[in-house]
Amino acid sequence: MTRSFMAIARGDWHSAIDYHLFGPLLFVGFGLTIVHIIWELSIDRNLQVFYVQWLKRRDFQLALLISFLGYYLLRLTQIIPSHHI
């Protein structure tokens, strides 16, 4: 994941996806979280947005966990090969 983030910082999105499929998604998620928190702090109230409700849903959390662990298992078993070692 760290190598994926570093590739994004260099602007190399293709390598970032090769390093870790969820790297760019997590990077964008972190960016949105930072913007969201700064916005809430600047207006001094909680924002009611759709993605916060999604993140609170147990089935959505479980789907994310299964997706991440499934991808990790596929990488460990070399079903999805890692091109950068």
N, C-alpha and C. Protein backbone atom coordinates (compact mmCIF):
# COMPACT_ATOMS: atom_id res chain seq x y z
N MET A 1 0.83 -1.18 0.00
CA MET A 1 0.00 0.00 0.00
C MET A 1 0.88 1.26 0.00
N THR A 2 1.97 1.22 0.74
CA THR A 2 2.87 2.38 0.78
C THR A 2 3.45 2.67 -0.59
N ARG A 3 3.88 1.63 -1.30
CA ARG A 3 4.42 1.84 -2.65
C ARG A 3 3.34 2.39 -3.58
N SER A 4 2.11 1.96 -3.40
CA SER A 4 1.02 2.48 -4.21
C SER A 4 0.82 3.97 -3.95
N PHE A 5 0.84 4.37 -2.68
CA PHE A 5 0.70 5.79 -2.33
C PHE A 5 1.86 6.61 -2.90
N MET A 6 3.07 6.06 -2.85
CA MET A 6 4.23 6.79 -3.38
C MET A 6 4.11 6.95 -4.89
N ALA A 7 3.61 5.94 -5.58
CA ALA A 7 3.41 6.04 -7.03
C ALA A 7 2.37 7.11 -7.34
N ILE A 8 1.31 7.20 -6.55
CA ILE A 8 0.30 8.25 -6.74
C ILE A 8 0.93 9.62 -6.54
N ALA A 9 1.78 9.75 -5.53
CA ALA A 9 2.45 11.03 -5.27
C ALA A 9 3.32 11.45 -6.45
N ARG A 10 3.88 10.46 -7.16
CA ARG A 10 4.67 10.77 -8.36
C ARG A 10 3.80 10.98 -9.59
N GLY A 11 2.50 10.71 -9.46
CA GLY A 11 1.58 10.85 -10.58
C GLY A 11 1.51 9.62 -11.46
N ASP A 12 2.04 8.51 -11.00
CA ASP A 12 2.07 7.27 -11.77
C ASP A 12 0.92 6.37 -11.31
N TRP A 13 -0.27 6.63 -11.82
CA TRP A 13 -1.46 5.91 -11.39
C TRP A 13 -1.43 4.45 -11.84
N HIS A 14 -0.85 4.18 -12.99
CA HIS A 14 -0.78 2.80 -13.48
C HIS A 14 0.04 1.92 -12.54
N SER A 15 1.20 2.42 -12.14
CA SER A 15 2.02 1.66 -11.18
C SER A 15 1.34 1.55 -9.83
N ALA A 16 0.62 2.59 -9.44
CA ALA A 16 -0.09 2.56 -8.16
C ALA A 16 -1.11 1.43 -8.14
N ILE A 17 -1.82 1.24 -9.22
CA ILE A 17 -2.79 0.15 -9.31
C ILE A 17 -2.08 -1.19 -9.35
N ASP A 18 -0.94 -1.27 -10.03
CA ASP A 18 -0.16 -2.51 -10.06
C ASP A 18 0.34 -2.89 -8.67
N TYR A 19 0.76 -1.89 -7.90
CA TYR A 19 1.25 -2.17 -6.55
C TYR A 19 0.12 -2.68 -5.66
N HIS A 20 -1.02 -2.00 -5.70
CA HIS A 20 -2.16 -2.42 -4.88
C HIS A 20 -3.43 -1.82 -5.48
N LEU A 21 -4.38 -2.68 -5.76
CA LEU A 21 -5.62 -2.26 -6.40
C LEU A 21 -6.38 -1.24 -5.57
N PHE A 22 -6.34 -1.39 -4.26
CA PHE A 22 -7.09 -0.49 -3.39
C PHE A 22 -6.31 0.77 -3.01
N GLY A 23 -5.05 0.88 -3.40
CA GLY A 23 -4.24 2.05 -3.07
C GLY A 23 -4.84 3.35 -3.57
N PRO A 24 -5.13 3.46 -4.87
CA PRO A 24 -5.73 4.71 -5.36
C PRO A 24 -7.10 5.00 -4.74
N LEU A 25 -7.90 3.96 -4.50
CA LEU A 25 -9.21 4.17 -3.89
C LEU A 25 -9.07 4.71 -2.47
N LEU A 26 -8.14 4.14 -1.72
CA LEU A 26 -7.92 4.60 -0.36
C LEU A 26 -7.33 6.01 -0.34
N PHE A 27 -6.45 6.29 -1.28
CA PHE A 27 -5.84 7.63 -1.38
C PHE A 27 -6.92 8.68 -1.62
N VAL A 28 -7.82 8.41 -2.56
CA VAL A 28 -8.92 9.33 -2.85
C VAL A 28 -9.84 9.44 -1.64
N GLY A 29 -10.10 8.31 -0.97
CA GLY A 29 -10.93 8.33 0.24
C GLY A 29 -10.33 9.19 1.34
N PHE A 30 -9.02 9.08 1.53
CA PHE A 30 -8.35 9.92 2.52
C PHE A 30 -8.47 11.39 2.14
N GLY A 31 -8.30 11.69 0.86
CA GLY A 31 -8.42 13.07 0.40
C GLY A 31 -9.81 13.64 0.67
N LEU A 32 -10.85 12.85 0.35
CA LEU A 32 -12.22 13.29 0.62
C LEU A 32 -12.47 13.48 2.11
N THR A 33 -11.90 12.60 2.92
CA THR A 33 -12.06 12.71 4.36
C THR A 33 -11.44 14.00 4.89
N ILE A 34 -10.27 14.32 4.39
CA ILE A 34 -9.60 15.56 4.82
C ILE A 34 -10.43 16.78 4.45
N VAL A 35 -10.93 16.81 3.20
CA VAL A 35 -11.76 17.93 2.76
C VAL A 35 -13.02 18.02 3.61
N HIS A 36 -13.65 16.87 3.87
CA HIS A 36 -14.88 16.82 4.66
C HIS A 36 -14.64 17.37 6.08
N ILE A 37 -13.57 16.92 6.72
CA ILE A 37 -13.29 17.37 8.09
C ILE A 37 -12.97 18.86 8.13
N ILE A 38 -12.19 19.34 7.18
CA ILE A 38 -11.87 20.78 7.14
C ILE A 38 -13.13 21.60 6.93
N TRP A 39 -14.02 21.12 6.06
CA TRP A 39 -15.27 21.82 5.80
C TRP A 39 -16.13 21.87 7.07
N GLU A 40 -16.27 20.73 7.76
CA GLU A 40 -17.05 20.70 8.99
C GLU A 40 -16.47 21.64 10.05
N LEU A 41 -15.15 21.64 10.17
CA LEU A 41 -14.52 22.52 11.16
C LEU A 41 -14.70 23.99 10.80
N SER A 42 -14.69 24.30 9.51
CA SER A 42 -14.81 25.71 9.11
C SER A 42 -16.23 26.24 9.31
N ILE A 43 -17.26 25.38 9.18
CA ILE A 43 -18.63 25.86 9.38
C ILE A 43 -19.16 25.53 10.77
N ASP A 44 -18.37 24.78 11.56
CA ASP A 44 -18.67 24.46 12.95
C ASP A 44 -20.00 23.71 13.13
N ARG A 45 -20.24 22.74 12.24
CA ARG A 45 -21.39 21.85 12.40
C ARG A 45 -21.16 20.59 11.57
N ASN A 46 -21.90 19.52 11.90
CA ASN A 46 -21.79 18.26 11.17
C ASN A 46 -22.52 18.36 9.84
N LEU A 47 -21.91 17.78 8.82
CA LEU A 47 -22.54 17.73 7.51
C LEU A 47 -23.27 16.40 7.36
N GLN A 48 -24.43 16.43 6.77
CA GLN A 48 -25.20 15.21 6.49
C GLN A 48 -25.02 14.88 5.01
N VAL A 49 -24.11 13.96 4.73
CA VAL A 49 -23.83 13.56 3.35
C VAL A 49 -24.04 12.06 3.20
N PHE A 50 -24.31 11.62 1.97
CA PHE A 50 -24.69 10.23 1.72
C PHE A 50 -23.62 9.22 2.11
N TYR A 51 -22.35 9.54 1.88
CA TYR A 51 -21.31 8.54 2.12
C TYR A 51 -21.08 8.25 3.59
N VAL A 52 -21.41 9.17 4.47
CA VAL A 52 -21.28 8.91 5.90
C VAL A 52 -22.28 7.83 6.32
N GLN A 53 -23.48 7.89 5.76
CA GLN A 53 -24.48 6.86 6.06
C GLN A 53 -24.05 5.51 5.52
N TRP A 54 -23.43 5.46 4.34
CA TRP A 54 -22.92 4.20 3.78
C TRP A 54 -21.87 3.60 4.70
N LEU A 55 -20.96 4.42 5.17
CA LEU A 55 -19.86 3.92 6.00
C LEU A 55 -20.35 3.38 7.34
N LYS A 56 -21.49 3.82 7.80
CA LYS A 56 -22.04 3.34 9.06
C LYS A 56 -22.78 2.01 8.92
N ARG A 57 -23.11 1.63 7.69
CA ARG A 57 -23.86 0.39 7.47
C ARG A 57 -22.96 -0.83 7.62
N ARG A 58 -23.40 -1.79 8.44
CA ARG A 58 -22.61 -2.99 8.72
C ARG A 58 -22.40 -3.82 7.46
N ASP A 59 -23.40 -3.92 6.58
CA ASP A 59 -23.24 -4.72 5.37
C ASP A 59 -22.22 -4.10 4.41
N PHE A 60 -22.17 -2.78 4.36
CA PHE A 60 -21.17 -2.10 3.52
C PHE A 60 -19.77 -2.32 4.08
N GLN A 61 -19.63 -2.24 5.41
CA GLN A 61 -18.34 -2.48 6.05
C GLN A 61 -17.87 -3.91 5.80
N LEU A 62 -18.79 -4.86 5.90
CA LEU A 62 -18.46 -6.25 5.66
C LEU A 62 -18.05 -6.49 4.21
N ALA A 63 -18.75 -5.86 3.27
CA ALA A 63 -18.41 -6.00 1.85
C ALA A 63 -17.01 -5.45 1.58
N LEU A 64 -16.67 -4.31 2.18
CA LEU A 64 -15.32 -3.75 2.02
C LEU A 64 -14.26 -4.68 2.60
N LEU A 65 -14.53 -5.22 3.78
CA LEU A 65 -13.59 -6.12 4.42
C LEU A 65 -13.38 -7.39 3.59
N ILE A 66 -14.45 -7.97 3.10
CA ILE A 66 -14.34 -9.18 2.28
C ILE A 66 -13.60 -8.88 0.98
N SER A 67 -13.88 -7.73 0.37
CA SER A 67 -13.19 -7.36 -0.87
C SER A 67 -11.69 -7.21 -0.64
N PHE A 68 -11.33 -6.51 0.43
CA PHE A 68 -9.92 -6.28 0.72
C PHE A 68 -9.20 -7.59 1.04
N LEU A 69 -9.80 -8.40 1.92
CA LEU A 69 -9.16 -9.66 2.28
C LEU A 69 -9.13 -10.64 1.11
N GLY A 70 -10.17 -10.64 0.29
CA GLY A 70 -10.18 -11.50 -0.90
C GLY A 70 -9.08 -11.11 -1.87
N TYR A 71 -8.92 -9.82 -2.10
CA TYR A 71 -7.85 -9.35 -2.98
C TYR A 71 -6.48 -9.72 -2.40
N TYR A 72 -6.32 -9.54 -1.10
CA TYR A 72 -5.06 -9.87 -0.44
C TYR A 72 -4.75 -11.36 -0.57
N LEU A 73 -5.75 -12.21 -0.39
CA LEU A 73 -5.58 -13.65 -0.53
C LEU A 73 -5.19 -14.01 -1.96
N LEU A 74 -5.81 -13.39 -2.94
CA LEU A 74 -5.47 -13.65 -4.34
C LEU A 74 -4.04 -13.22 -4.65
N ARG A 75 -3.59 -12.14 -4.05
CA ARG A 75 -2.21 -11.70 -4.25
C ARG A 75 -1.23 -12.66 -3.57
N LEU A 76 -1.57 -13.14 -2.38
CA LEU A 76 -0.69 -14.07 -1.67
C LEU A 76 -0.54 -15.40 -2.39
N THR A 77 -1.60 -15.86 -3.01
CA THR A 77 -1.56 -17.14 -3.72
C THR A 77 -1.09 -16.98 -5.16
N GLN A 78 -0.71 -15.78 -5.55
CA GLN A 78 -0.20 -15.47 -6.89
C GLN A 78 -1.24 -15.69 -7.99
N ILE A 79 -2.51 -15.76 -7.65
CA ILE A 79 -3.56 -15.79 -8.67
C ILE A 79 -3.60 -14.45 -9.39
N ILE A 80 -3.43 -13.37 -8.63
CA ILE A 80 -3.24 -12.04 -9.20
C ILE A 80 -1.76 -11.71 -8.95
N PRO A 81 -0.93 -11.78 -9.99
CA PRO A 81 0.51 -11.58 -9.76
C PRO A 81 0.86 -10.13 -9.47
N SER A 82 1.92 -9.97 -8.70
CA SER A 82 2.46 -8.65 -8.44
C SER A 82 3.57 -8.39 -9.44
N HIS A 83 3.44 -7.31 -10.21
CA HIS A 83 4.43 -7.01 -11.24
C HIS A 83 5.64 -6.26 -10.69
N HIS A 84 5.46 -5.63 -9.54
CA HIS A 84 6.55 -4.87 -8.92
C HIS A 84 6.94 -5.53 -7.61
N ILE A 85 8.16 -5.97 -7.55
CA ILE A 85 8.63 -6.61 -6.31
C ILE A 85 9.80 -5.85 -5.75
